[in-house]
N, C-alpha and C. Protein backbone atom coordinates (compact mmCIF):
# COMPACT_ATOMS: atom_id res chain seq x y z
N MET A 1 -5.53 32.33 9.79
CA MET A 1 -5.07 31.03 9.36
C MET A 1 -6.09 30.46 8.40
N ALA A 2 -5.64 29.83 7.35
CA ALA A 2 -6.53 29.32 6.32
C ALA A 2 -6.64 27.81 6.39
N ILE A 3 -7.34 27.32 7.38
CA ILE A 3 -7.57 25.89 7.50
C ILE A 3 -9.07 25.65 7.39
N LYS A 4 -9.44 24.73 6.53
CA LYS A 4 -10.85 24.43 6.32
C LYS A 4 -11.04 22.93 6.50
N SER A 5 -11.93 22.54 7.40
CA SER A 5 -12.19 21.12 7.60
C SER A 5 -13.60 20.92 8.11
N SER A 6 -14.04 19.69 8.04
CA SER A 6 -15.33 19.31 8.61
C SER A 6 -15.20 17.89 9.13
N THR A 7 -16.21 17.42 9.80
CA THR A 7 -16.18 16.07 10.35
C THR A 7 -16.00 15.02 9.26
N PHE A 8 -16.62 15.26 8.11
CA PHE A 8 -16.59 14.27 7.04
C PHE A 8 -15.71 14.67 5.86
N GLY A 9 -14.97 15.75 6.00
CA GLY A 9 -14.17 16.24 4.87
C GLY A 9 -12.70 16.27 5.16
N ARG A 10 -11.98 16.87 4.29
CA ARG A 10 -10.53 16.96 4.41
C ARG A 10 -10.12 18.30 4.99
N VAL A 11 -8.85 18.41 5.28
CA VAL A 11 -8.28 19.67 5.76
C VAL A 11 -7.53 20.30 4.59
N GLU A 12 -7.77 21.57 4.36
CA GLU A 12 -7.09 22.28 3.28
C GLU A 12 -6.28 23.43 3.86
N LEU A 13 -5.04 23.52 3.45
CA LEU A 13 -4.18 24.63 3.83
C LEU A 13 -3.91 25.47 2.59
N SER A 14 -3.78 26.76 2.78
CA SER A 14 -3.48 27.62 1.64
C SER A 14 -2.48 28.69 2.06
N GLY A 15 -1.85 29.28 1.07
CA GLY A 15 -0.94 30.39 1.31
C GLY A 15 0.24 30.05 2.18
N LYS A 16 0.51 30.92 3.16
CA LYS A 16 1.66 30.76 4.04
C LYS A 16 1.57 29.48 4.86
N ASP A 17 0.34 29.12 5.26
CA ASP A 17 0.17 27.90 6.06
C ASP A 17 0.58 26.67 5.28
N ALA A 18 0.21 26.61 4.02
CA ALA A 18 0.57 25.48 3.18
C ALA A 18 2.08 25.43 2.98
N ALA A 19 2.69 26.57 2.74
CA ALA A 19 4.14 26.63 2.53
C ALA A 19 4.87 26.19 3.80
N ARG A 20 4.41 26.63 4.95
CA ARG A 20 5.05 26.25 6.21
C ARG A 20 4.88 24.76 6.48
N PHE A 21 3.72 24.21 6.16
CA PHE A 21 3.49 22.79 6.36
C PHE A 21 4.46 21.97 5.51
N VAL A 22 4.63 22.32 4.26
CA VAL A 22 5.56 21.61 3.38
C VAL A 22 6.98 21.73 3.91
N GLN A 23 7.35 22.92 4.36
CA GLN A 23 8.69 23.13 4.93
C GLN A 23 8.86 22.27 6.18
N HIS A 24 7.85 22.22 7.01
CA HIS A 24 7.88 21.43 8.24
C HIS A 24 8.09 19.95 7.92
N ILE A 25 7.37 19.42 6.95
CA ILE A 25 7.49 18.01 6.58
C ILE A 25 8.88 17.71 6.03
N ASN A 26 9.44 18.61 5.26
CA ASN A 26 10.72 18.36 4.62
C ASN A 26 11.93 18.61 5.50
N GLU A 27 11.85 19.55 6.45
CA GLU A 27 13.05 19.99 7.15
C GLU A 27 13.09 19.70 8.64
N ASP A 28 11.96 19.74 9.32
CA ASP A 28 11.98 19.59 10.77
C ASP A 28 12.31 18.16 11.18
N LYS A 29 12.95 18.04 12.33
CA LYS A 29 13.32 16.73 12.85
C LYS A 29 12.12 16.11 13.56
N PRO A 30 11.97 14.79 13.47
CA PRO A 30 10.86 14.13 14.15
C PRO A 30 11.03 14.16 15.67
N ASN A 31 9.94 14.13 16.36
CA ASN A 31 9.92 14.12 17.81
C ASN A 31 10.43 12.75 18.30
N PRO A 32 11.47 12.73 19.14
CA PRO A 32 12.02 11.44 19.60
C PRO A 32 11.01 10.62 20.40
N LEU A 33 10.15 11.28 21.15
CA LEU A 33 9.14 10.54 21.90
C LEU A 33 8.12 9.89 20.97
N ALA A 34 7.77 10.58 19.90
CA ALA A 34 6.85 10.01 18.91
C ALA A 34 7.50 8.83 18.20
N LEU A 35 8.78 8.92 17.88
CA LEU A 35 9.48 7.81 17.24
C LEU A 35 9.54 6.59 18.15
N ALA A 36 9.76 6.82 19.45
CA ALA A 36 9.80 5.72 20.40
C ALA A 36 8.43 5.05 20.51
N ALA A 37 7.37 5.85 20.55
CA ALA A 37 6.02 5.30 20.62
C ALA A 37 5.71 4.50 19.36
N LEU A 38 6.14 5.00 18.22
CA LEU A 38 5.93 4.29 16.96
C LEU A 38 6.65 2.95 16.97
N ALA A 39 7.87 2.91 17.46
CA ALA A 39 8.63 1.67 17.53
C ALA A 39 7.94 0.65 18.44
N ARG A 40 7.45 1.13 19.59
CA ARG A 40 6.74 0.22 20.50
C ARG A 40 5.47 -0.32 19.84
N GLY A 41 4.75 0.55 19.16
CA GLY A 41 3.52 0.12 18.48
C GLY A 41 3.79 -0.88 17.38
N ARG A 42 4.85 -0.68 16.62
CA ARG A 42 5.20 -1.63 15.56
C ARG A 42 5.58 -2.99 16.13
N ALA A 43 6.29 -2.99 17.25
CA ALA A 43 6.66 -4.26 17.89
C ALA A 43 5.42 -5.02 18.33
N ILE A 44 4.47 -4.31 18.92
CA ILE A 44 3.22 -4.95 19.35
C ILE A 44 2.45 -5.45 18.14
N SER A 45 2.41 -4.67 17.09
CA SER A 45 1.70 -5.06 15.87
C SER A 45 2.29 -6.34 15.28
N GLU A 46 3.60 -6.44 15.26
CA GLU A 46 4.25 -7.66 14.76
C GLU A 46 3.86 -8.87 15.59
N LYS A 47 3.84 -8.71 16.91
CA LYS A 47 3.46 -9.82 17.78
C LYS A 47 2.01 -10.23 17.54
N ILE A 48 1.12 -9.26 17.37
CA ILE A 48 -0.28 -9.56 17.12
C ILE A 48 -0.42 -10.32 15.80
N ASN A 49 0.28 -9.87 14.77
CA ASN A 49 0.19 -10.53 13.47
C ASN A 49 0.72 -11.96 13.50
N LYS A 50 1.69 -12.23 14.39
CA LYS A 50 2.24 -13.58 14.52
C LYS A 50 1.43 -14.43 15.51
N GLY A 51 0.46 -13.82 16.19
CA GLY A 51 -0.33 -14.55 17.17
C GLY A 51 0.36 -14.74 18.50
N GLU A 52 1.39 -13.96 18.74
CA GLU A 52 2.14 -14.08 19.99
C GLU A 52 1.50 -13.24 21.09
N ALA A 53 1.80 -13.59 22.31
CA ALA A 53 1.31 -12.83 23.45
C ALA A 53 2.17 -11.59 23.62
N PHE A 54 1.56 -10.55 24.16
CA PHE A 54 2.31 -9.31 24.45
C PHE A 54 1.71 -8.69 25.70
N LYS A 55 2.49 -7.83 26.31
CA LYS A 55 2.03 -7.18 27.52
C LYS A 55 2.29 -5.69 27.41
N LEU A 56 1.30 -4.90 27.74
CA LEU A 56 1.45 -3.46 27.73
C LEU A 56 1.97 -2.99 29.08
N LYS A 57 2.95 -2.10 29.05
CA LYS A 57 3.48 -1.53 30.28
C LYS A 57 2.67 -0.30 30.64
N ARG A 58 2.44 -0.12 31.91
CA ARG A 58 1.68 1.03 32.38
C ARG A 58 2.65 2.04 32.94
N ASN A 59 2.62 3.26 32.39
CA ASN A 59 3.47 4.35 32.89
C ASN A 59 2.69 5.14 33.91
N ALA A 60 3.16 5.13 35.13
CA ALA A 60 2.46 5.89 36.17
C ALA A 60 3.42 6.58 37.06
């Protein structure tokens, strides 16, 4: 696999890995759990920006 990164640098993909990454970004469907988490985070962010109170739910 051709991935190059460091703590202070970027990640570089080349060859087949780069082609697969581009294909993944363009064609694969987003994870529904990630979309739900993003929606919850955006709602909290809006409340914070408006100065409103919010409560985090604990999943246990």
